[in-house]
C-alpha cells in the first residue's frame, strides 16, 4: 500500500524504477511534519511520476511546505525522475557535490558531511547529513537522532543486495561507512529498496561480516591459483572458487564484487 506513514513525520512512497532485481521499486521518503524534505526523485516512468507528484501535492494539501528534494546518490534508479518531478513541484534539488558532478540536473545545495537540515514543525525535525561513500562517491545518508532513524539509501537493502561497482565504487570506503552506521545505534533504517529495517545495527554489522568473509574466500582462491602456477590470477579465474556457494546465474554480478575486493586489496598494499 502506498503512501504510508512510518513514524512521526516520516512517510514512504515506493515507485517502480529500472533497478537491479530482485528489487523492482525505489523508496522515496517524506521527512517532516510541517516543512518537508522529499528523498529520492527516483522514477523515470510517466505513470509512476504522476503518482509520485500526486503524493507530494497531497502533503501540500495538508498544509505542509515542500522545502527540497534530496538525492542520496547519482544512480539512475535514484535520480531518474529528477527533472520532471522538480519541474512539477517547483522545488530545488539537494545532493552531495560528487553527485552534482555526475548528473545533468542542477543541484541548488551541495550537502556536506555534518550538515544539519532543520525542518520547522510542531516539534522541529533535525536531520544530519552523513557522507557515506563506497557504493557511490557522493552517497549520503540522513540521520535523525531524536527518532533514531537513518535514511540509508543504497548502503543496505531489505530486498536484494548492494552492488559495489569496481569503477564507480570503493569497497574499503563502503565497509568503513557501514561500520560508522553501526555505531549510530539506530532504531530503524529506511532503505531505498525493500521494507524499513528494524534492528539495523545487526544488519550493518552483518553486511561487514559477510563482506569480510567473502574477501577471505577471494584471498584464499587467489593464493591457491598462485600456488598452482598462475602468477597473476584474474577476477574471472578467482570467481568460481570464491563464489562456489552462489548460483552461476548470479556470477556476472558477483564478478563485479570480486573486482571491487581485488581493488580494495591492492589499495591496502595486498596485491
C-alpha atoms as a PDB file:
ATOM      1  CA  UNK A   1       0.000   0.000   0.000  1.00  0.00           C
ATOM      2  CA  UNK A   2       1.318   3.478  -0.786  1.00  0.00           C
ATOM      3  CA  UNK A   3       1.888   6.002   0.553  1.00  0.00           C
ATOM      4  CA  UNK A   4       2.171   5.085   4.199  1.00  0.00           C
ATOM      5  CA  UNK A   5       3.367   6.540   7.476  1.00  0.00           C
ATOM      6  CA  UNK A   6       6.478   5.005   9.013  1.00  0.00           C
ATOM      7  CA  UNK A   7       6.902   7.143  12.129  1.00  0.00           C
ATOM      8  CA  UNK A   8       6.161  10.617  13.394  1.00  0.00           C
ATOM      9  CA  UNK A   9       6.816  12.897  10.428  1.00  0.00           C
ATOM     10  CA  UNK A  10       8.191  10.108   8.178  1.00  0.00           C
ATOM     11  CA  UNK A  11       6.245   8.709   5.223  1.00  0.00           C
ATOM     12  CA  UNK A  12       7.230   6.244   2.497  1.00  0.00           C
ATOM     13  CA  UNK A  13       6.285   6.069  -1.179  1.00  0.00           C
ATOM     14  CA  UNK A  14       7.618   3.211  -3.317  1.00  0.00           C
ATOM     15  CA  UNK A  15       7.819   3.869  -7.064  1.00  0.00           C
ATOM     16  CA  UNK A  16       8.668   1.427  -9.840  1.00  0.00           C
ATOM     17  CA  UNK A  17      12.162   2.002 -11.227  1.00  0.00           C
ATOM     18  CA  UNK A  18      14.682   0.231 -13.506  1.00  0.00           C
ATOM     19  CA  UNK A  19      16.669  -1.083 -10.572  1.00  0.00           C
ATOM     20  CA  UNK A  20      18.592  -4.321 -10.140  1.00  0.00           C
ATOM     21  CA  UNK A  21      16.450  -7.428  -9.482  1.00  0.00           C
ATOM     22  CA  UNK A  22      15.024  -8.770  -7.297  1.00  0.00           C
ATOM     23  CA  UNK A  23      14.172  -5.178  -6.341  1.00  0.00           C
ATOM     24  CA  UNK A  24      11.555  -3.528  -8.561  1.00  0.00           C
ATOM     25  CA  UNK A  25      10.924  -0.238  -6.765  1.00  0.00           C
ATOM     26  CA  UNK A  26      12.853   2.600  -5.157  1.00  0.00           C
ATOM     27  CA  UNK A  27      11.522   4.101  -1.939  1.00  0.00           C
ATOM     28  CA  UNK A  28      11.068   7.835  -1.575  1.00  0.00           C
ATOM     29  CA  UNK A  29      10.588   9.350   1.868  1.00  0.00           C
ATOM     30  CA  UNK A  30       8.811  12.477   3.090  1.00  0.00           C
ATOM     31  CA  UNK A  31      10.586  13.831   6.155  1.00  0.00           C
ATOM     32  CA  UNK A  32       8.967  16.472   8.350  1.00  0.00           C
ATOM     33  CA  UNK A  33       5.584  17.322   9.859  1.00  0.00           C
ATOM     34  CA  UNK A  34       5.304  20.904   8.574  1.00  0.00           C
ATOM     35  CA  UNK A  35       8.343  21.597   6.408  1.00  0.00           C
ATOM     36  CA  UNK A  36       9.119  18.560   4.287  1.00  0.00           C
ATOM     37  CA  UNK A  37      12.126  17.097   2.519  1.00  0.00           C
ATOM     38  CA  UNK A  38      11.382  14.535  -0.184  1.00  0.00           C
ATOM     39  CA  UNK A  39      14.158  11.966  -0.607  1.00  0.00           C
ATOM     40  CA  UNK A  40      14.886  10.200  -3.934  1.00  0.00           C
ATOM     41  CA  UNK A  41      13.390  11.634  -7.159  1.00  0.00           C
ATOM     42  CA  UNK A  42      13.703   8.135  -8.475  1.00  0.00           C
ATOM     43  CA  UNK A  43      11.250   7.009 -11.112  1.00  0.00           C
ATOM     44  CA  UNK A  44      11.656   7.764 -14.847  1.00  0.00           C
ATOM     45  CA  UNK A  45       8.263   6.237 -15.714  1.00  0.00           C
ATOM     46  CA  UNK A  46       5.500   8.713 -16.567  1.00  0.00           C
ATOM     47  CA  UNK A  47       2.697   6.841 -14.777  1.00  0.00           C
ATOM     48  CA  UNK A  48       4.772   6.488 -11.627  1.00  0.00           C
ATOM     49  CA  UNK A  49       5.818  10.136 -11.827  1.00  0.00           C
ATOM     50  CA  UNK A  50       2.158  11.164 -11.895  1.00  0.00           C
ATOM     51  CA  UNK A  51       1.508   9.093  -8.765  1.00  0.00           C
ATOM     52  CA  UNK A  52       4.626  10.495  -7.074  1.00  0.00           C
ATOM     53  CA  UNK A  53       3.590  14.089  -7.830  1.00  0.00           C
ATOM     54  CA  UNK A  54       0.061  13.385  -6.569  1.00  0.00           C
ATOM     55  CA  UNK A  55       1.593  12.087  -3.331  1.00  0.00           C
ATOM     56  CA  UNK A  56       3.795  15.165  -2.942  1.00  0.00           C
ATOM     57  CA  UNK A  57       0.898  17.521  -3.632  1.00  0.00           C
ATOM     58  CA  UNK A  58      -1.261  15.690  -1.100  1.00  0.00           C
ATOM     59  CA  UNK A  59       1.306  16.690   1.514  1.00  0.00           C
ATOM     60  CA  UNK A  60       0.925  20.323   0.454  1.00  0.00           C
ATOM     61  CA  UNK A  61      -2.868  19.940   0.665  1.00  0.00           C
ATOM     62  CA  UNK A  62      -2.380  19.007   4.323  1.00  0.00           C
ATOM     63  CA  UNK A  63      -0.715  22.375   4.914  1.00  0.00           C
ATOM     64  CA  UNK A  64       2.859  21.145   4.695  1.00  0.00           C
ATOM     65  CA  UNK A  65       5.533  23.006   2.730  1.00  0.00           C
ATOM     66  CA  UNK A  66       7.895  21.207   0.407  1.00  0.00           C
ATOM     67  CA  UNK A  67      11.409  22.556   1.013  1.00  0.00           C
ATOM     68  CA  UNK A  68      13.559  20.469  -1.337  1.00  0.00           C
ATOM     69  CA  UNK A  69      14.190  17.073  -2.857  1.00  0.00           C
ATOM     70  CA  UNK A  70      17.294  15.186  -1.709  1.00  0.00           C
ATOM     71  CA  UNK A  71      19.112  12.613  -3.839  1.00  0.00           C
ATOM     72  CA  UNK A  72      21.177  10.128  -1.863  1.00  0.00           C
ATOM     73  CA  UNK A  73      23.384   9.497  -4.920  1.00  0.00           C
ATOM     74  CA  UNK A  74      23.554   9.675  -8.694  1.00  0.00           C
ATOM     75  CA  UNK A  75      22.490   6.201  -9.869  1.00  0.00           C
ATOM     76  CA  UNK A  76      19.607   6.224 -12.383  1.00  0.00           C
ATOM     77  CA  UNK A  77      17.171   4.370 -10.116  1.00  0.00           C
ATOM     78  CA  UNK A  78      17.549   7.245  -7.622  1.00  0.00           C
ATOM     79  CA  UNK A  79      17.511  10.354  -9.846  1.00  0.00           C
ATOM     80  CA  UNK A  80      15.710   9.096 -12.959  1.00  0.00           C
ATOM     81  CA  UNK A  81      12.741  11.380 -12.352  1.00  0.00           C
ATOM     82  CA  UNK A  82      14.586  14.422 -11.040  1.00  0.00           C
ATOM     83  CA  UNK A  83      13.936  16.808 -13.919  1.00  0.00           C
ATOM     84  CA  UNK A  84      10.233  16.028 -14.269  1.00  0.00           C
ATOM     85  CA  UNK A  85       9.471  15.894 -10.546  1.00  0.00           C
ATOM     86  CA  UNK A  86      11.348  19.081  -9.666  1.00  0.00           C
ATOM     87  CA  UNK A  87       9.723  20.939 -12.545  1.00  0.00           C
ATOM     88  CA  UNK A  88       6.240  19.817 -11.492  1.00  0.00           C
ATOM     89  CA  UNK A  89       6.720  20.762  -7.848  1.00  0.00           C
ATOM     90  CA  UNK A  90       8.895  23.849  -8.246  1.00  0.00           C
ATOM     91  CA  UNK A  91      11.380  22.816  -5.572  1.00  0.00           C
ATOM     92  CA  UNK A  92      15.196  22.579  -5.666  1.00  0.00           C
ATOM     93  CA  UNK A  93      17.421  19.523  -5.621  1.00  0.00           C
ATOM     94  CA  UNK A  94      19.953  18.987  -2.822  1.00  0.00           C
ATOM     95  CA  UNK A  95      22.793  16.470  -3.097  1.00  0.00           C
ATOM     96  CA  UNK A  96      26.478  15.987  -2.386  1.00  0.00           C
ATOM     97  CA  UNK A  97      28.983  17.707  -4.677  1.00  0.00           C
ATOM     98  CA  UNK A  98      30.150  14.331  -6.028  1.00  0.00           C
ATOM     99  CA  UNK A  99      26.567  13.593  -7.038  1.00  0.00           C
ATOM    100  CA  UNK A 100      26.121  17.037  -8.559  1.00  0.00           C
ATOM    101  CA  UNK A 101      29.169  16.387 -10.736  1.00  0.00           C
ATOM    102  CA  UNK A 102      27.587  13.229 -12.146  1.00  0.00           C
ATOM    103  CA  UNK A 103      24.071  14.358 -13.078  1.00  0.00           C
ATOM    104  CA  UNK A 104      22.700  16.907 -15.528  1.00  0.00           C
ATOM    105  CA  UNK A 105      20.021  18.235 -13.173  1.00  0.00           C
ATOM    106  CA  UNK A 106      21.201  21.400 -11.388  1.00  0.00           C
ATOM    107  CA  UNK A 107      21.854  20.938  -7.663  1.00  0.00           C
ATOM    108  CA  UNK A 108      20.856  24.013  -5.674  1.00  0.00           C
ATOM    109  CA  UNK A 109      22.537  22.992  -2.423  1.00  0.00           C
ATOM    110  CA  UNK A 110      25.591  20.789  -2.058  1.00  0.00           C
ATOM    111  CA  UNK A 111      25.261  18.729   1.068  1.00  0.00           C
ATOM    112  CA  UNK A 112      28.335  18.094   3.192  1.00  0.00           C
ATOM    113  CA  UNK A 113      29.077  15.631   5.958  1.00  0.00           C
ATOM    114  CA  UNK A 114      27.881  17.088   9.254  1.00  0.00           C
ATOM    115  CA  UNK A 115      25.306  19.489   7.786  1.00  0.00           C
ATOM    116  CA  UNK A 116      22.125  19.647   9.842  1.00  0.00           C
ATOM    117  CA  UNK A 117      18.849  20.074   7.967  1.00  0.00           C
ATOM    118  CA  UNK A 118      16.322  21.555  10.398  1.00  0.00           C
ATOM    119  CA  UNK A 119      12.664  21.342   9.411  1.00  0.00           C
ATOM    120  CA  UNK A 120      10.119  23.542  11.133  1.00  0.00           C
ATOM    121  CA  UNK A 121       7.151  21.809  12.719  1.00  0.00           C
ATOM    122  CA  UNK A 122       5.220  21.292  15.945  1.00  0.00           C
ATOM    123  CA  UNK A 123       8.383  19.513  17.025  1.00  0.00           C
ATOM    124  CA  UNK A 124      11.285  20.609  14.785  1.00  0.00           C
ATOM    125  CA  UNK A 125      12.971  17.781  12.935  1.00  0.00           C
ATOM    126  CA  UNK A 126      16.763  17.787  12.595  1.00  0.00           C
ATOM    127  CA  UNK A 127      18.370  15.506  10.019  1.00  0.00           C
ATOM    128  CA  UNK A 128      22.146  15.260   9.977  1.00  0.00           C
ATOM    129  CA  UNK A 129      23.871  14.633   6.665  1.00  0.00           C
ATOM    130  CA  UNK A 130      26.278  11.695   6.698  1.00  0.00           C
ATOM    131  CA  UNK A 131      28.555  11.438   3.678  1.00  0.00           C
ATOM    132  CA  UNK A 132      28.801   7.676   3.203  1.00  0.00           C
ATOM    133  CA  UNK A 133      30.831   6.961   0.058  1.00  0.00           C
ATOM    134  CA  UNK A 134      31.575   3.480  -1.177  1.00  0.00           C
ATOM    135  CA  UNK A 135      28.512   2.460  -3.131  1.00  0.00           C
ATOM    136  CA  UNK A 136      28.777   5.820  -4.898  1.00  0.00           C
ATOM    137  CA  UNK A 137      31.236   8.692  -4.375  1.00  0.00           C
ATOM    138  CA  UNK A 138      28.546  11.174  -3.365  1.00  0.00           C
ATOM    139  CA  UNK A 139      26.308   8.847  -1.368  1.00  0.00           C
ATOM    140  CA  UNK A 140      24.685  10.456   1.662  1.00  0.00           C
ATOM    141  CA  UNK A 141      22.506   9.164   4.474  1.00  0.00           C
ATOM    142  CA  UNK A 142      20.279  11.283   6.707  1.00  0.00           C
ATOM    143  CA  UNK A 143      20.261  10.676  10.472  1.00  0.00           C
ATOM    144  CA  UNK A 144      17.586  11.815  12.932  1.00  0.00           C
ATOM    145  CA  UNK A 145      18.968  11.325  16.444  1.00  0.00           C
ATOM    146  CA  UNK A 146      15.606  12.034  18.124  1.00  0.00           C
ATOM    147  CA  UNK A 147      13.794   9.378  16.123  1.00  0.00           C
ATOM    148  CA  UNK A 148      16.961   7.246  15.893  1.00  0.00           C
ATOM    149  CA  UNK A 149      16.059   6.802  12.231  1.00  0.00           C
ATOM    150  CA  UNK A 150      18.502   6.762   9.335  1.00  0.00           C
ATOM    151  CA  UNK A 151      17.607   7.189   5.678  1.00  0.00           C
ATOM    152  CA  UNK A 152      20.057   4.643   4.319  1.00  0.00           C
ATOM    153  CA  UNK A 153      19.834   4.985   0.534  1.00  0.00           C
ATOM    154  CA  UNK A 154      21.795   2.117  -1.001  1.00  0.00           C
ATOM    155  CA  UNK A 155      24.012   1.349   1.983  1.00  0.00           C
ATOM    156  CA  UNK A 156      21.797  -1.642   2.801  1.00  0.00           C
ATOM    157  CA  UNK A 157      18.583  -3.140   1.475  1.00  0.00           C
ATOM    158  CA  UNK A 158      15.889  -5.435   2.778  1.00  0.00           C
ATOM    159  CA  UNK A 159      15.431  -6.903  -0.697  1.00  0.00           C
ATOM    160  CA  UNK A 160      18.355  -7.942  -2.870  1.00  0.00           C
ATOM    161  CA  UNK A 161      21.955  -6.982  -2.167  1.00  0.00           C
ATOM    162  CA  UNK A 162      24.131  -3.907  -2.560  1.00  0.00           C
ATOM    163  CA  UNK A 163      26.494  -3.859  -5.519  1.00  0.00           C
ATOM    164  CA  UNK A 164      29.886  -2.176  -5.209  1.00  0.00           C
ATOM    165  CA  UNK A 165      30.983  -1.467  -8.760  1.00  0.00           C
ATOM    166  CA  UNK A 166      34.789  -1.582  -9.078  1.00  0.00           C
ATOM    167  CA  UNK A 167      34.801   1.509 -11.294  1.00  0.00           C
ATOM    168  CA  UNK A 168      32.322   3.763  -9.525  1.00  0.00           C
ATOM    169  CA  UNK A 169      32.511   2.257  -6.040  1.00  0.00           C
ATOM    170  CA  UNK A 170      35.052   1.757  -3.280  1.00  0.00           C
ATOM    171  CA  UNK A 171      34.778  -1.381  -1.171  1.00  0.00           C
ATOM    172  CA  UNK A 172      37.089  -0.134   1.565  1.00  0.00           C
ATOM    173  CA  UNK A 173      35.151   3.130   1.981  1.00  0.00           C
ATOM    174  CA  UNK A 174      31.857   1.224   1.884  1.00  0.00           C
ATOM    175  CA  UNK A 175      32.866  -1.053   4.760  1.00  0.00           C
ATOM    176  CA  UNK A 176      34.158   1.894   6.774  1.00  0.00           C
ATOM    177  CA  UNK A 177      30.841   3.690   6.361  1.00  0.00           C
ATOM    178  CA  UNK A 178      28.826   0.592   7.278  1.00  0.00           C
ATOM    179  CA  UNK A 179      30.819   0.431  10.497  1.00  0.00           C
ATOM    180  CA  UNK A 180      30.060   4.103  11.073  1.00  0.00           C
ATOM    181  CA  UNK A 181      26.344   3.475  10.615  1.00  0.00           C
ATOM    182  CA  UNK A 182      26.608   0.561  13.027  1.00  0.00           C
ATOM    183  CA  UNK A 183      27.817   2.968  15.726  1.00  0.00           C
ATOM    184  CA  UNK A 184      24.656   5.090  15.478  1.00  0.00           C
ATOM    185  CA  UNK A 185      22.546   2.596  17.430  1.00  0.00           C
ATOM    186  CA  UNK A 186      19.660   3.351  15.079  1.00  0.00           C
ATOM    187  CA  UNK A 187      16.147   2.141  15.836  1.00  0.00           C
ATOM    188  CA  UNK A 188      15.142   1.887  12.186  1.00  0.00           C
ATOM    189  CA  UNK A 189      16.886   2.164   8.820  1.00  0.00           C
ATOM    190  CA  UNK A 190      14.933   3.405   5.829  1.00  0.00           C
ATOM    191  CA  UNK A 191      16.477   1.794   2.716  1.00  0.00           C
ATOM    192  CA  UNK A 192      15.890   2.696  -0.898  1.00  0.00           C
ATOM    193  CA  UNK A 193      14.850  -0.870  -1.678  1.00  0.00           C
ATOM    194  CA  UNK A 194      12.555  -3.011   0.431  1.00  0.00           C
ATOM    195  CA  UNK A 195      10.856  -2.577   3.763  1.00  0.00           C
ATOM    196  CA  UNK A 196      12.080  -0.445   6.681  1.00  0.00           C
ATOM    197  CA  UNK A 197      14.653  -2.340   8.706  1.00  0.00           C
ATOM    198  CA  UNK A 198      14.226  -2.882  12.440  1.00  0.00           C
ATOM    199  CA  UNK A 199      17.387  -3.509  14.464  1.00  0.00           C
ATOM    200  CA  UNK A 200      19.552  -2.086  11.668  1.00  0.00           C
ATOM    201  CA  UNK A 201      22.741  -2.254  13.721  1.00  0.00           C
ATOM    202  CA  UNK A 202      22.604  -6.030  13.413  1.00  0.00           C
ATOM    203  CA  UNK A 203      22.250  -5.696   9.642  1.00  0.00           C
ATOM    204  CA  UNK A 204      25.051  -3.123   9.261  1.00  0.00           C
ATOM    205  CA  UNK A 205      27.435  -5.368  11.169  1.00  0.00           C
ATOM    206  CA  UNK A 206      26.180  -8.409   9.300  1.00  0.00           C
ATOM    207  CA  UNK A 207      26.963  -6.755   5.975  1.00  0.00           C
ATOM    208  CA  UNK A 208      30.516  -6.032   7.151  1.00  0.00           C
ATOM    209  CA  UNK A 209      30.981  -9.594   8.388  1.00  0.00           C
ATOM    210  CA  UNK A 210      29.639 -11.009   5.114  1.00  0.00           C
ATOM    211  CA  UNK A 211      31.978  -8.872   3.015  1.00  0.00           C
ATOM    212  CA  UNK A 212      34.978  -9.819   5.126  1.00  0.00           C
ATOM    213  CA  UNK A 213      34.076 -13.486   4.839  1.00  0.00           C
ATOM    214  CA  UNK A 214      33.757 -13.148   1.066  1.00  0.00           C
ATOM    215  CA  UNK A 215      37.069 -11.309   0.896  1.00  0.00           C
ATOM    216  CA  UNK A 216      38.749 -14.131   2.810  1.00  0.00           C
ATOM    217  CA  UNK A 217      37.470 -16.587   0.172  1.00  0.00           C
ATOM    218  CA  UNK A 218      38.811 -14.356  -2.590  1.00  0.00           C
ATOM    219  CA  UNK A 219      42.221 -14.183  -0.917  1.00  0.00           C
ATOM    220  CA  UNK A 220      42.259 -17.962  -0.428  1.00  0.00           C
ATOM    221  CA  UNK A 221      41.197 -18.628  -4.034  1.00  0.00           C
ATOM    222  CA  UNK A 222      43.861 -16.298  -5.362  1.00  0.00           C
ATOM    223  CA  UNK A 223      46.544 -17.933  -3.201  1.00  0.00           C
ATOM    224  CA  UNK A 224      45.531 -21.403  -4.428  1.00  0.00           C
ATOM    225  CA  UNK A 225      45.710 -20.297  -8.051  1.00  0.00           C
ATOM    226  CA  UNK A 226      49.128 -18.770  -7.493  1.00  0.00           C
ATOM    227  CA  UNK A 227      50.322 -21.950  -5.826  1.00  0.00           C
ATOM    228  CA  UNK A 228      49.078 -23.800  -8.893  1.00  0.00           C
ATOM    229  CA  UNK A 229      51.285 -21.733 -11.165  1.00  0.00           C
ATOM    230  CA  UNK A 230      49.178 -18.679 -12.052  1.00  0.00           C
ATOM    231  CA  UNK A 231      51.278 -15.676 -11.092  1.00  0.00           C
ATOM    232  CA  UNK A 232      48.501 -13.124 -11.599  1.00  0.00           C
ATOM    233  CA  UNK A 233      45.066 -14.738 -11.331  1.00  0.00           C
ATOM    234  CA  UNK A 234      42.267 -12.702 -12.877  1.00  0.00           C
ATOM    235  CA  UNK A 235      38.930 -11.951 -11.272  1.00  0.00           C
ATOM    236  CA  UNK A 236      37.320 -14.338 -13.768  1.00  0.00           C
ATOM    237  CA  UNK A 237      39.637 -17.141 -12.606  1.00  0.00           C
ATOM    238  CA  UNK A 238      39.038 -16.377  -8.922  1.00  0.00           C
ATOM    239  CA  UNK A 239      35.252 -16.154  -9.252  1.00  0.00           C
ATOM    240  CA  UNK A 240      34.259 -19.868  -9.402  1.00  0.00           C
ATOM    241  CA  UNK A 241      36.050 -20.712  -6.161  1.00  0.00           C
ATOM    242  CA  UNK A 242      35.237 -17.528  -4.280  1.00  0.00           C
ATOM    243  CA  UNK A 243      31.540 -17.779  -5.181  1.00  0.00           C
ATOM    244  CA  UNK A 244      31.100 -21.542  -5.185  1.00  0.00           C
ATOM    245  CA  UNK A 245      28.156 -21.099  -2.799  1.00  0.00           C
ATOM    246  CA  UNK A 246      26.261 -18.839  -5.225  1.00  0.00           C
ATOM    247  CA  UNK A 247      24.310 -19.995  -8.323  1.00  0.00           C
ATOM    248  CA  UNK A 248      26.238 -19.452 -11.544  1.00  0.00           C
ATOM    249  CA  UNK A 249      23.356 -17.346 -12.848  1.00  0.00           C
ATOM    250  CA  UNK A 250      24.414 -14.667 -10.354  1.00  0.00           C
ATOM    251  CA  UNK A 251      28.105 -14.755 -11.255  1.00  0.00           C
ATOM    252  CA  UNK A 252      28.034 -11.765 -13.640  1.00  0.00           C
ATOM    253  CA  UNK A 253      27.131  -9.508 -10.697  1.00  0.00           C
ATOM    254  CA  UNK A 254      29.429 -11.443  -8.375  1.00  0.00           C
ATOM    255  CA  UNK A 255      32.307 -10.794 -10.764  1.00  0.00           C
ATOM    256  CA  UNK A 256      31.973  -7.069 -10.103  1.00  0.00           C
ATOM    257  CA  UNK A 257      32.227  -7.746  -6.381  1.00  0.00           C
ATOM    258  CA  UNK A 258      35.380  -9.815  -6.905  1.00  0.00           C
ATOM    259  CA  UNK A 259      36.905  -6.937  -8.841  1.00  0.00           C
ATOM    260  CA  UNK A 260      35.888  -4.469  -6.133  1.00  0.00           C
ATOM    261  CA  UNK A 261      37.519  -6.629  -3.456  1.00  0.00           C
ATOM    262  CA  UNK A 262      40.676  -7.019  -5.532  1.00  0.00           C
ATOM    263  CA  UNK A 263      40.855  -3.239  -5.897  1.00  0.00           C
ATOM    264  CA  UNK A 264      40.460  -2.883  -2.130  1.00  0.00           C
ATOM    265  CA  UNK A 265      43.257  -5.396  -1.525  1.00  0.00           C
ATOM    266  CA  UNK A 266      45.533  -3.531  -3.915  1.00  0.00           C
ATOM    267  CA  UNK A 267      44.741  -0.201  -2.243  1.00  0.00           C
ATOM    268  CA  UNK A 268      45.702  -1.770   1.079  1.00  0.00           C
ATOM    269  CA  UNK A 269      49.022  -2.979  -0.318  1.00  0.00           C
ATOM    270  CA  UNK A 270      47.884  -6.585  -0.547  1.00  0.00           C
ATOM    271  CA  UNK A 271      48.221  -7.164  -4.321  1.00  0.00           C
END
